């Protein structure tokens, strides 16, 4: 049951990150989940030690979702850099 909750939280975080980075039209629900889960991994490895807040792997709270969101946004920024695309402005 926890796996389903983590996938739903990862999908929500991945969707929000893709909307912020304006890559939502290029990816679907499965990639949103992947972005959320890999973003949680990146956040847990790089961001969590700096701010002292866990990721959605520890508990699903607002601070952990924000840290995971930052990791997901960083992941999408890295992907955009490697694809050779510039950040889109509003």
N, C-alpha and C. Protein backbone atom coordinates (compact mmCIF):
# COMPACT_ATOMS: atom_id res chain seq x y z
N UNK A 1 0.83 -1.20 0.00
CA UNK A 1 0.00 0.00 0.00
C UNK A 1 0.87 1.25 0.00
N UNK A 2 2.01 1.22 0.71
CA UNK A 2 2.89 2.38 0.73
C UNK A 2 3.43 2.69 -0.65
N UNK A 3 3.68 1.66 -1.46
CA UNK A 3 4.19 1.86 -2.80
C UNK A 3 3.21 2.69 -3.63
N UNK A 4 1.94 2.41 -3.50
CA UNK A 4 0.92 3.15 -4.25
C UNK A 4 0.90 4.61 -3.80
N UNK A 5 1.01 4.84 -2.52
CA UNK A 5 1.02 6.21 -2.00
C UNK A 5 2.24 6.97 -2.50
N UNK A 6 3.41 6.29 -2.52
CA UNK A 6 4.63 6.93 -3.02
C UNK A 6 4.52 7.22 -4.51
N UNK A 7 3.91 6.34 -5.27
CA UNK A 7 3.74 6.58 -6.70
C UNK A 7 2.80 7.75 -6.96
N UNK A 8 1.75 7.85 -6.16
CA UNK A 8 0.81 8.97 -6.31
C UNK A 8 1.51 10.28 -5.93
N UNK A 9 2.25 10.28 -4.83
CA UNK A 9 2.99 11.49 -4.43
C UNK A 9 4.03 11.85 -5.48
N UNK A 10 4.73 10.85 -6.01
CA UNK A 10 5.71 11.09 -7.07
C UNK A 10 5.06 11.65 -8.33
N UNK A 11 3.88 11.14 -8.66
CA UNK A 11 3.17 11.64 -9.84
C UNK A 11 2.75 13.10 -9.65
N UNK A 12 2.29 13.43 -8.46
CA UNK A 12 1.87 14.81 -8.19
C UNK A 12 3.07 15.75 -8.25
N UNK A 13 4.16 15.36 -7.60
CA UNK A 13 5.36 16.20 -7.60
C UNK A 13 5.93 16.32 -9.01
N UNK A 14 5.97 15.20 -9.74
CA UNK A 14 6.46 15.23 -11.13
C UNK A 14 5.61 16.10 -12.03
N UNK A 15 4.29 16.05 -11.83
CA UNK A 15 3.39 16.88 -12.62
C UNK A 15 3.61 18.36 -12.34
N UNK A 16 3.73 18.71 -11.08
CA UNK A 16 3.96 20.11 -10.71
C UNK A 16 5.29 20.60 -11.26
N UNK A 17 6.33 19.75 -11.17
CA UNK A 17 7.64 20.13 -11.69
C UNK A 17 7.60 20.30 -13.20
N UNK A 18 6.88 19.42 -13.89
CA UNK A 18 6.79 19.55 -15.35
C UNK A 18 6.00 20.79 -15.76
N UNK A 19 5.03 21.18 -14.96
CA UNK A 19 4.29 22.43 -15.24
C UNK A 19 5.18 23.64 -15.01
N UNK A 20 5.98 23.61 -13.95
CA UNK A 20 6.88 24.73 -13.66
C UNK A 20 7.92 24.88 -14.76
N UNK A 21 8.48 23.74 -15.20
CA UNK A 21 9.53 23.76 -16.22
C UNK A 21 8.97 23.78 -17.64
N UNK A 22 7.67 23.78 -17.78
CA UNK A 22 6.98 23.83 -19.06
C UNK A 22 7.35 22.66 -19.98
N UNK A 23 7.45 21.48 -19.42
CA UNK A 23 7.69 20.27 -20.20
C UNK A 23 6.49 19.34 -20.14
N UNK A 24 5.38 19.82 -19.66
CA UNK A 24 4.21 18.97 -19.46
C UNK A 24 3.65 18.44 -20.77
N UNK A 25 3.74 19.20 -21.84
CA UNK A 25 3.20 18.75 -23.12
C UNK A 25 4.05 17.64 -23.73
N UNK A 26 5.27 17.46 -23.24
CA UNK A 26 6.18 16.45 -23.79
C UNK A 26 6.13 15.14 -23.04
N UNK A 27 5.48 15.09 -21.90
CA UNK A 27 5.50 13.88 -21.09
C UNK A 27 4.12 13.58 -20.56
N UNK A 28 3.89 12.32 -20.27
CA UNK A 28 2.61 11.88 -19.74
C UNK A 28 2.73 11.49 -18.28
N UNK A 29 1.75 10.74 -17.81
CA UNK A 29 1.69 10.36 -16.41
C UNK A 29 2.87 9.49 -16.00
N UNK A 30 3.26 8.56 -16.85
CA UNK A 30 4.37 7.67 -16.49
C UNK A 30 5.66 8.46 -16.30
N UNK A 31 5.95 9.39 -17.18
CA UNK A 31 7.15 10.20 -17.02
C UNK A 31 7.04 11.15 -15.84
N UNK A 32 5.84 11.61 -15.51
CA UNK A 32 5.66 12.42 -14.30
C UNK A 32 6.05 11.62 -13.06
N UNK A 33 5.64 10.35 -13.02
CA UNK A 33 5.99 9.49 -11.89
C UNK A 33 7.50 9.28 -11.83
N UNK A 34 8.11 9.02 -13.00
CA UNK A 34 9.55 8.80 -13.05
C UNK A 34 10.30 10.05 -12.59
N UNK A 35 9.86 11.21 -13.05
CA UNK A 35 10.49 12.48 -12.65
C UNK A 35 10.35 12.68 -11.14
N UNK A 36 9.19 12.38 -10.59
CA UNK A 36 8.98 12.54 -9.15
C UNK A 36 9.86 11.60 -8.33
N UNK A 37 9.98 10.34 -8.78
CA UNK A 37 10.78 9.37 -8.02
C UNK A 37 12.27 9.66 -8.14
N UNK A 38 12.75 9.94 -9.35
CA UNK A 38 14.17 10.26 -9.52
C UNK A 38 14.49 11.61 -8.87
N UNK A 39 13.55 12.55 -8.92
CA UNK A 39 13.73 13.82 -8.24
C UNK A 39 13.84 13.64 -6.73
N UNK A 40 13.09 12.69 -6.18
CA UNK A 40 13.19 12.38 -4.75
C UNK A 40 14.57 11.80 -4.43
N UNK A 41 15.08 10.96 -5.33
CA UNK A 41 16.42 10.40 -5.12
C UNK A 41 17.47 11.50 -5.15
N UNK A 42 17.41 12.38 -6.16
CA UNK A 42 18.37 13.48 -6.25
C UNK A 42 18.28 14.40 -5.04
N UNK A 43 17.05 14.70 -4.64
CA UNK A 43 16.86 15.57 -3.48
C UNK A 43 17.41 14.92 -2.22
N UNK A 44 17.19 13.62 -2.07
CA UNK A 44 17.69 12.93 -0.89
C UNK A 44 19.20 12.87 -0.84
N UNK A 45 19.82 12.84 -2.00
CA UNK A 45 21.27 12.71 -2.05
C UNK A 45 21.97 14.07 -1.93
N UNK A 46 21.40 15.11 -2.55
CA UNK A 46 22.08 16.40 -2.61
C UNK A 46 21.45 17.48 -1.72
N UNK A 47 20.13 17.59 -1.72
CA UNK A 47 19.46 18.72 -1.09
C UNK A 47 19.15 18.45 0.40
N UNK A 48 18.68 17.27 0.71
CA UNK A 48 18.30 16.95 2.10
C UNK A 48 19.41 17.16 3.11
N UNK A 49 20.66 16.74 2.83
CA UNK A 49 21.71 16.99 3.82
C UNK A 49 21.97 18.48 4.07
N UNK A 50 21.72 19.32 3.07
CA UNK A 50 21.96 20.76 3.23
C UNK A 50 20.89 21.43 4.07
N UNK A 51 19.64 21.02 3.90
CA UNK A 51 18.54 21.69 4.60
C UNK A 51 18.03 20.92 5.81
N UNK A 52 18.42 19.66 5.93
CA UNK A 52 18.01 18.87 7.09
C UNK A 52 16.58 18.37 7.04
N UNK A 53 16.00 18.31 5.84
CA UNK A 53 14.64 17.81 5.67
C UNK A 53 14.71 16.59 4.77
N UNK A 54 13.95 15.57 5.07
CA UNK A 54 13.95 14.36 4.28
C UNK A 54 13.20 14.53 2.97
N UNK A 55 12.98 13.41 2.29
CA UNK A 55 12.21 13.40 1.06
C UNK A 55 10.95 12.58 1.29
N UNK A 56 10.20 12.33 0.23
CA UNK A 56 8.96 11.56 0.39
C UNK A 56 9.25 10.12 0.79
N UNK A 57 10.50 9.69 0.71
CA UNK A 57 10.84 8.35 1.17
C UNK A 57 10.78 8.26 2.69
N UNK A 58 10.99 9.37 3.40
CA UNK A 58 10.93 9.39 4.86
C UNK A 58 9.50 9.51 5.35
N UNK A 59 8.81 10.51 4.91
CA UNK A 59 7.41 10.74 5.26
C UNK A 59 6.83 11.70 4.23
N UNK A 60 5.55 11.63 4.03
CA UNK A 60 4.92 12.52 3.06
C UNK A 60 4.31 13.68 3.83
N UNK A 61 5.07 14.78 3.88
CA UNK A 61 4.63 16.02 4.51
C UNK A 61 4.92 17.16 3.54
N UNK A 62 4.44 18.34 3.85
CA UNK A 62 4.66 19.49 2.97
C UNK A 62 6.15 19.79 2.79
N UNK A 63 6.96 19.85 3.86
CA UNK A 63 8.40 20.12 3.64
C UNK A 63 9.09 19.06 2.78
N UNK A 64 8.73 17.78 2.96
CA UNK A 64 9.37 16.75 2.16
C UNK A 64 8.92 16.82 0.71
N UNK A 65 7.68 17.20 0.48
CA UNK A 65 7.21 17.37 -0.89
C UNK A 65 7.91 18.54 -1.57
N UNK A 66 8.18 19.61 -0.83
CA UNK A 66 8.88 20.76 -1.40
C UNK A 66 10.32 20.39 -1.76
N UNK A 67 10.99 19.64 -0.89
CA UNK A 67 12.36 19.21 -1.19
C UNK A 67 12.37 18.30 -2.41
N UNK A 68 11.41 17.39 -2.50
CA UNK A 68 11.31 16.51 -3.65
C UNK A 68 10.98 17.30 -4.91
N UNK A 69 10.15 18.32 -4.79
CA UNK A 69 9.84 19.17 -5.93
C UNK A 69 11.09 19.89 -6.44
N UNK A 70 11.92 20.37 -5.55
CA UNK A 70 13.17 21.03 -5.94
C UNK A 70 14.07 20.04 -6.67
N UNK A 71 14.15 18.81 -6.18
CA UNK A 71 14.94 17.79 -6.87
C UNK A 71 14.38 17.46 -8.24
N UNK A 72 13.06 17.43 -8.38
CA UNK A 72 12.43 17.14 -9.67
C UNK A 72 12.66 18.28 -10.66
N UNK A 73 12.59 19.51 -10.18
CA UNK A 73 12.86 20.65 -11.05
C UNK A 73 14.31 20.64 -11.51
N UNK A 74 15.22 20.29 -10.60
CA UNK A 74 16.64 20.20 -10.97
C UNK A 74 16.84 19.11 -12.01
N UNK A 75 16.16 17.98 -11.86
CA UNK A 75 16.25 16.90 -12.84
C UNK A 75 15.78 17.36 -14.22
N UNK A 76 14.65 18.03 -14.28
CA UNK A 76 14.14 18.52 -15.57
C UNK A 76 15.06 19.58 -16.17
N UNK A 77 15.68 20.41 -15.33
CA UNK A 77 16.63 21.40 -15.84
C UNK A 77 17.85 20.72 -16.44
N UNK A 78 18.33 19.66 -15.79
CA UNK A 78 19.48 18.93 -16.32
C UNK A 78 19.12 18.27 -17.64
N UNK A 79 17.94 17.68 -17.73
CA UNK A 79 17.50 17.05 -18.97
C UNK A 79 17.39 18.08 -20.08
N UNK A 80 16.86 19.26 -19.78
CA UNK A 80 16.75 20.31 -20.79
C UNK A 80 18.12 20.79 -21.26
N UNK A 81 19.09 20.85 -20.38
CA UNK A 81 20.43 21.26 -20.76
C UNK A 81 21.04 20.23 -21.71
N UNK A 82 20.88 18.95 -21.39
CA UNK A 82 21.45 17.91 -22.24
C UNK A 82 20.73 17.77 -23.57
N UNK A 83 19.47 18.13 -23.61
CA UNK A 83 18.74 18.13 -24.87
C UNK A 83 19.09 19.34 -25.73
N UNK A 84 19.77 20.30 -25.15
CA UNK A 84 20.16 21.49 -25.90
C UNK A 84 19.07 22.55 -25.97
N UNK A 85 18.08 22.41 -25.13
CA UNK A 85 17.00 23.40 -25.13
C UNK A 85 17.26 24.44 -24.06
N UNK A 86 16.88 25.62 -24.35
CA UNK A 86 16.98 26.70 -23.37
C UNK A 86 15.70 26.70 -22.53
N UNK A 87 15.79 27.34 -21.38
CA UNK A 87 14.61 27.48 -20.55
C UNK A 87 13.63 28.40 -21.23
N UNK A 88 12.38 28.01 -21.20
CA UNK A 88 11.36 28.83 -21.85
C UNK A 88 10.87 29.89 -20.87
N UNK A 89 10.70 31.07 -21.37
CA UNK A 89 10.15 32.13 -20.52
C UNK A 89 8.65 32.18 -20.72
N UNK A 90 7.98 32.79 -19.77
CA UNK A 90 6.52 32.85 -19.82
C UNK A 90 6.05 33.78 -20.85
